[in-house]
Amino acid sequence: MSETVIAGTYAEVGGADLQPVQELVQKHYEGAATLTYPSMVVNELNPASQLASTADVVLKVPVAAPLLPKMSIVTITASKADPSMVGRRFRVKGSAQSGQVTSHRYPMEELP
């Protein structure tokens, strides 16, 4: 696994200059992971005759890692594969795909 992540629940608190700051209030997991885009092909949607495209990001963590609750925030803290990933944040969109797998795979959405 090429990335290191920290996943948890965050709360907005007042910062030093009274600007809101996101603070980690509960850590769910910290360790190895891989973040991938499953393919270069995007899904085309046509809700209400408006064409839109989506591509889900997938986070893979070891099966020994605790399960991540939906809506957890995942921050990339290091990456061997792509240093530009460090600092990017993602939200867990749903439950992990699991079963007879080598890693739990979570659907993710990138945060601005």
N, C-alpha and C. Protein backbone atom coordinates (compact mmCIF):
# COMPACT_ATOMS: atom_id res chain seq x y z
N MET A 1 0.85 -1.17 0.00
CA MET A 1 0.00 0.00 0.00
C MET A 1 0.90 1.24 0.00
N SER A 2 0.58 2.17 -0.85
CA SER A 2 1.50 3.28 -1.10
C SER A 2 1.20 4.57 -0.34
N GLU A 3 0.04 4.67 0.32
CA GLU A 3 -0.28 5.88 1.06
C GLU A 3 -0.37 5.59 2.56
N THR A 4 -0.22 6.65 3.33
CA THR A 4 -0.49 6.62 4.77
C THR A 4 -1.63 7.60 5.00
N VAL A 5 -2.62 7.17 5.78
CA VAL A 5 -3.80 8.00 5.99
C VAL A 5 -4.14 8.08 7.47
N ILE A 6 -4.94 9.07 7.79
CA ILE A 6 -5.59 9.13 9.09
C ILE A 6 -7.07 9.34 8.81
N ALA A 7 -7.90 8.51 9.43
CA ALA A 7 -9.35 8.57 9.22
C ALA A 7 -10.02 8.81 10.56
N GLY A 8 -11.01 9.68 10.56
CA GLY A 8 -11.70 9.94 11.80
C GLY A 8 -12.88 10.86 11.64
N THR A 9 -13.39 11.28 12.79
CA THR A 9 -14.50 12.22 12.85
C THR A 9 -13.93 13.56 13.29
N TYR A 10 -14.34 14.61 12.60
CA TYR A 10 -13.83 15.95 12.88
C TYR A 10 -14.98 16.84 13.34
N ALA A 11 -14.64 17.86 14.12
CA ALA A 11 -15.61 18.86 14.55
C ALA A 11 -15.03 20.23 14.25
N GLU A 12 -15.90 21.17 13.98
CA GLU A 12 -15.47 22.54 13.70
C GLU A 12 -15.34 23.29 15.02
N VAL A 13 -14.16 23.85 15.25
CA VAL A 13 -13.92 24.63 16.47
C VAL A 13 -13.37 25.99 16.08
N GLY A 14 -13.45 26.96 16.98
CA GLY A 14 -12.91 28.29 16.71
C GLY A 14 -11.40 28.26 16.73
N GLY A 15 -10.78 28.84 15.72
CA GLY A 15 -9.33 28.91 15.66
C GLY A 15 -8.80 30.13 16.39
N ALA A 16 -7.49 30.34 16.35
CA ALA A 16 -6.84 31.45 17.04
C ALA A 16 -7.36 32.79 16.56
N ASP A 17 -7.69 32.90 15.28
CA ASP A 17 -8.20 34.17 14.75
C ASP A 17 -9.72 34.12 14.56
N LEU A 18 -10.37 33.24 15.34
CA LEU A 18 -11.82 33.04 15.33
C LEU A 18 -12.36 32.48 14.03
N GLN A 19 -11.48 32.02 13.15
CA GLN A 19 -11.91 31.33 11.94
C GLN A 19 -12.14 29.86 12.31
N PRO A 20 -13.19 29.23 11.81
CA PRO A 20 -13.44 27.82 12.13
C PRO A 20 -12.31 26.92 11.63
N VAL A 21 -11.95 25.95 12.46
CA VAL A 21 -10.89 24.99 12.14
C VAL A 21 -11.44 23.59 12.38
N GLN A 22 -11.11 22.66 11.49
CA GLN A 22 -11.52 21.27 11.66
C GLN A 22 -10.54 20.59 12.62
N GLU A 23 -11.07 19.99 13.69
CA GLU A 23 -10.24 19.31 14.68
C GLU A 23 -10.67 17.85 14.80
N LEU A 24 -9.70 16.96 14.81
CA LEU A 24 -9.97 15.53 14.95
C LEU A 24 -10.50 15.26 16.36
N VAL A 25 -11.70 14.68 16.45
CA VAL A 25 -12.28 14.38 17.77
C VAL A 25 -12.31 12.88 18.04
N GLN A 26 -12.27 12.05 16.99
CA GLN A 26 -12.22 10.60 17.18
C GLN A 26 -11.47 9.98 16.02
N LYS A 27 -10.35 9.33 16.32
CA LYS A 27 -9.56 8.66 15.28
C LYS A 27 -10.10 7.23 15.10
N HIS A 28 -10.41 6.87 13.84
CA HIS A 28 -10.89 5.53 13.53
C HIS A 28 -9.77 4.63 13.04
N TYR A 29 -8.81 5.20 12.31
CA TYR A 29 -7.71 4.42 11.74
C TYR A 29 -6.58 5.34 11.34
N GLU A 30 -5.36 4.87 11.54
CA GLU A 30 -4.18 5.55 11.04
C GLU A 30 -3.21 4.49 10.57
N GLY A 31 -2.81 4.57 9.30
CA GLY A 31 -1.87 3.58 8.79
C GLY A 31 -1.88 3.50 7.28
N ALA A 32 -1.48 2.34 6.80
CA ALA A 32 -1.31 2.11 5.36
C ALA A 32 -2.64 2.05 4.64
N ALA A 33 -2.63 2.54 3.40
CA ALA A 33 -3.82 2.52 2.55
C ALA A 33 -3.39 2.75 1.10
N THR A 34 -4.32 2.53 0.20
CA THR A 34 -4.13 2.86 -1.21
C THR A 34 -5.38 3.57 -1.69
N LEU A 35 -5.17 4.68 -2.37
CA LEU A 35 -6.28 5.44 -2.92
C LEU A 35 -6.20 5.31 -4.44
N THR A 36 -7.29 4.83 -5.05
CA THR A 36 -7.28 4.63 -6.50
C THR A 36 -8.56 5.14 -7.13
N TYR A 37 -8.41 5.50 -8.38
CA TYR A 37 -9.56 5.75 -9.23
C TYR A 37 -9.73 4.45 -10.01
N PRO A 38 -10.88 3.78 -9.89
CA PRO A 38 -11.01 2.43 -10.44
C PRO A 38 -10.78 2.31 -11.94
N SER A 39 -11.06 3.36 -12.70
CA SER A 39 -10.77 3.32 -14.13
C SER A 39 -10.77 4.75 -14.65
N MET A 40 -10.31 4.91 -15.85
CA MET A 40 -10.33 6.23 -16.47
C MET A 40 -11.70 6.53 -17.08
N VAL A 41 -12.57 5.52 -17.10
CA VAL A 41 -13.92 5.69 -17.66
C VAL A 41 -14.83 6.22 -16.56
N VAL A 42 -15.62 7.21 -16.88
CA VAL A 42 -16.57 7.76 -15.91
C VAL A 42 -17.97 7.28 -16.24
N ASN A 43 -18.83 7.28 -15.23
CA ASN A 43 -20.23 6.91 -15.43
C ASN A 43 -21.00 8.14 -15.91
N GLU A 44 -21.78 7.97 -16.95
CA GLU A 44 -22.60 9.08 -17.42
C GLU A 44 -23.99 8.94 -16.82
N LEU A 45 -24.45 10.00 -16.19
CA LEU A 45 -25.78 10.05 -15.58
C LEU A 45 -26.65 10.99 -16.37
N ASN A 46 -27.95 10.77 -16.33
CA ASN A 46 -28.86 11.64 -17.05
C ASN A 46 -30.07 11.97 -16.18
N PRO A 47 -29.85 12.58 -14.99
CA PRO A 47 -30.99 12.94 -14.15
C PRO A 47 -31.68 14.19 -14.69
N ALA A 48 -32.98 14.11 -14.86
CA ALA A 48 -33.79 15.25 -15.33
C ALA A 48 -33.21 15.87 -16.60
N SER A 49 -32.77 15.02 -17.51
CA SER A 49 -32.24 15.43 -18.81
C SER A 49 -31.01 16.33 -18.73
N GLN A 50 -30.28 16.23 -17.63
CA GLN A 50 -29.02 16.96 -17.51
C GLN A 50 -27.89 15.94 -17.44
N LEU A 51 -27.02 15.98 -18.42
CA LEU A 51 -25.93 15.03 -18.49
C LEU A 51 -24.86 15.38 -17.46
N ALA A 52 -24.47 14.40 -16.64
CA ALA A 52 -23.40 14.58 -15.65
C ALA A 52 -22.56 13.32 -15.65
N SER A 53 -21.31 13.44 -15.22
CA SER A 53 -20.41 12.30 -15.17
C SER A 53 -19.83 12.17 -13.77
N THR A 54 -19.64 10.92 -13.33
CA THR A 54 -19.05 10.68 -12.02
C THR A 54 -18.03 9.55 -12.12
N ALA A 55 -17.05 9.57 -11.23
CA ALA A 55 -16.09 8.47 -11.09
C ALA A 55 -15.79 8.35 -9.60
N ASP A 56 -16.08 7.19 -9.02
CA ASP A 56 -15.84 7.01 -7.59
C ASP A 56 -14.37 6.72 -7.31
N VAL A 57 -13.87 7.37 -6.30
CA VAL A 57 -12.54 7.09 -5.78
C VAL A 57 -12.70 5.93 -4.81
N VAL A 58 -11.70 5.05 -4.73
CA VAL A 58 -11.77 3.91 -3.84
C VAL A 58 -10.59 3.94 -2.88
N LEU A 59 -10.87 3.81 -1.58
CA LEU A 59 -9.83 3.71 -0.57
C LEU A 59 -9.74 2.25 -0.15
N LYS A 60 -8.53 1.71 -0.20
CA LYS A 60 -8.29 0.33 0.24
C LYS A 60 -7.47 0.37 1.51
N VAL A 61 -7.94 -0.32 2.55
CA VAL A 61 -7.20 -0.45 3.80
C VAL A 61 -7.10 -1.94 4.14
N PRO A 62 -6.08 -2.34 4.92
CA PRO A 62 -5.93 -3.76 5.25
C PRO A 62 -7.18 -4.30 5.96
N VAL A 63 -7.45 -5.58 5.74
CA VAL A 63 -8.63 -6.19 6.38
C VAL A 63 -8.51 -6.19 7.90
N ALA A 64 -7.31 -6.10 8.43
CA ALA A 64 -7.13 -6.07 9.88
C ALA A 64 -7.47 -4.71 10.48
N ALA A 65 -7.62 -3.68 9.64
CA ALA A 65 -7.94 -2.34 10.13
C ALA A 65 -9.39 -2.30 10.60
N PRO A 66 -9.69 -1.44 11.59
CA PRO A 66 -11.09 -1.30 12.00
C PRO A 66 -11.94 -0.76 10.86
N LEU A 67 -13.22 -1.11 10.85
CA LEU A 67 -14.11 -0.60 9.82
C LEU A 67 -14.30 0.90 10.00
N LEU A 68 -14.34 1.61 8.89
CA LEU A 68 -14.52 3.06 8.92
C LEU A 68 -16.00 3.39 8.81
N PRO A 69 -16.52 4.19 9.72
CA PRO A 69 -17.93 4.57 9.63
C PRO A 69 -18.18 5.47 8.42
N LYS A 70 -19.38 5.37 7.86
CA LYS A 70 -19.78 6.25 6.77
C LYS A 70 -19.65 7.69 7.24
N MET A 71 -19.23 8.58 6.36
CA MET A 71 -19.02 10.00 6.60
C MET A 71 -17.69 10.32 7.29
N SER A 72 -16.87 9.30 7.61
CA SER A 72 -15.54 9.57 8.17
C SER A 72 -14.73 10.39 7.17
N ILE A 73 -13.84 11.22 7.69
CA ILE A 73 -12.96 12.01 6.85
C ILE A 73 -11.59 11.33 6.84
N VAL A 74 -11.03 11.16 5.64
CA VAL A 74 -9.73 10.52 5.47
C VAL A 74 -8.77 11.55 4.88
N THR A 75 -7.63 11.73 5.54
CA THR A 75 -6.61 12.65 5.07
C THR A 75 -5.37 11.86 4.69
N ILE A 76 -4.83 12.13 3.50
CA ILE A 76 -3.58 11.49 3.07
C ILE A 76 -2.43 12.23 3.77
N THR A 77 -1.65 11.50 4.56
CA THR A 77 -0.54 12.13 5.29
C THR A 77 0.82 11.85 4.65
N ALA A 78 0.89 10.82 3.80
CA ALA A 78 2.13 10.50 3.08
C ALA A 78 1.77 9.63 1.89
N SER A 79 2.62 9.70 0.85
CA SER A 79 2.40 8.87 -0.33
C SER A 79 3.73 8.56 -1.00
N LYS A 80 4.00 7.25 -1.18
CA LYS A 80 5.19 6.81 -1.90
C LYS A 80 4.98 6.96 -3.41
N ALA A 81 3.74 6.84 -3.86
CA ALA A 81 3.43 6.84 -5.29
C ALA A 81 3.30 8.24 -5.87
N ASP A 82 2.70 9.18 -5.09
CA ASP A 82 2.42 10.51 -5.62
C ASP A 82 2.43 11.53 -4.49
N PRO A 83 3.54 12.22 -4.27
CA PRO A 83 3.63 13.19 -3.18
C PRO A 83 2.58 14.30 -3.26
N SER A 84 2.02 14.56 -4.44
CA SER A 84 0.99 15.60 -4.55
C SER A 84 -0.32 15.19 -3.88
N MET A 85 -0.45 13.95 -3.47
CA MET A 85 -1.66 13.48 -2.77
C MET A 85 -1.69 13.93 -1.31
N VAL A 86 -0.51 14.22 -0.74
CA VAL A 86 -0.43 14.57 0.68
C VAL A 86 -1.28 15.81 0.96
N GLY A 87 -2.12 15.69 1.99
CA GLY A 87 -2.99 16.79 2.40
C GLY A 87 -4.39 16.72 1.80
N ARG A 88 -4.58 15.90 0.78
CA ARG A 88 -5.93 15.81 0.20
C ARG A 88 -6.84 15.06 1.15
N ARG A 89 -8.12 15.48 1.16
CA ARG A 89 -9.10 14.92 2.10
C ARG A 89 -10.28 14.32 1.34
N PHE A 90 -10.81 13.23 1.89
CA PHE A 90 -11.89 12.49 1.27
C PHE A 90 -12.90 12.09 2.34
N ARG A 91 -14.16 11.88 1.93
CA ARG A 91 -15.22 11.44 2.83
C ARG A 91 -15.66 10.04 2.42
N VAL A 92 -15.83 9.15 3.42
CA VAL A 92 -16.32 7.79 3.17
C VAL A 92 -17.80 7.89 2.80
N LYS A 93 -18.15 7.38 1.59
CA LYS A 93 -19.53 7.46 1.10
C LYS A 93 -20.40 6.29 1.51
N GLY A 94 -19.77 5.15 1.86
CA GLY A 94 -20.57 3.97 2.16
C GLY A 94 -19.75 2.89 2.83
N SER A 95 -20.39 1.76 3.05
CA SER A 95 -19.73 0.62 3.70
C SER A 95 -18.66 0.02 2.81
N ALA A 96 -17.73 -0.66 3.46
CA ALA A 96 -16.64 -1.31 2.73
C ALA A 96 -17.14 -2.53 1.99
N GLN A 97 -16.58 -2.74 0.81
CA GLN A 97 -16.78 -4.01 0.13
C GLN A 97 -15.87 -4.99 0.85
N SER A 98 -16.43 -6.06 1.33
CA SER A 98 -15.63 -7.00 2.09
C SER A 98 -16.05 -8.42 1.76
N GLY A 99 -15.50 -9.35 2.46
CA GLY A 99 -15.74 -10.76 2.19
C GLY A 99 -14.39 -11.43 2.04
N GLN A 100 -14.22 -12.19 0.97
CA GLN A 100 -12.94 -12.84 0.74
C GLN A 100 -12.05 -11.92 -0.08
N VAL A 101 -11.53 -10.90 0.60
CA VAL A 101 -10.71 -9.88 -0.06
C VAL A 101 -9.43 -9.68 0.75
N THR A 102 -8.45 -9.05 0.13
CA THR A 102 -7.20 -8.74 0.82
C THR A 102 -7.23 -7.36 1.45
N SER A 103 -8.22 -6.55 1.07
CA SER A 103 -8.37 -5.23 1.68
C SER A 103 -9.84 -4.82 1.64
N HIS A 104 -10.23 -3.97 2.59
CA HIS A 104 -11.57 -3.40 2.55
C HIS A 104 -11.53 -2.23 1.59
N ARG A 105 -12.54 -2.13 0.74
CA ARG A 105 -12.60 -1.09 -0.28
C ARG A 105 -13.79 -0.18 -0.01
N TYR A 106 -13.50 1.09 0.20
CA TYR A 106 -14.53 2.08 0.52
C TYR A 106 -14.76 3.03 -0.64
N PRO A 107 -16.02 3.32 -0.99
CA PRO A 107 -16.29 4.38 -1.96
C PRO A 107 -16.06 5.73 -1.28
N MET A 108 -15.40 6.63 -1.98
CA MET A 108 -15.02 7.91 -1.41
C MET A 108 -15.44 9.07 -2.29
N GLU A 109 -15.52 10.25 -1.70
CA GLU A 109 -15.67 11.49 -2.47
C GLU A 109 -14.62 12.47 -1.97
N GLU A 110 -13.99 13.19 -2.89
CA GLU A 110 -12.96 14.15 -2.50
C GLU A 110 -13.61 15.41 -1.99
N LEU A 111 -13.04 15.96 -0.93
CA LEU A 111 -13.52 17.21 -0.36
C LEU A 111 -12.75 18.38 -0.94
N PRO A 112 -13.40 19.53 -1.04
CA PRO A 112 -12.70 20.70 -1.59
C PRO A 112 -11.60 21.20 -0.67
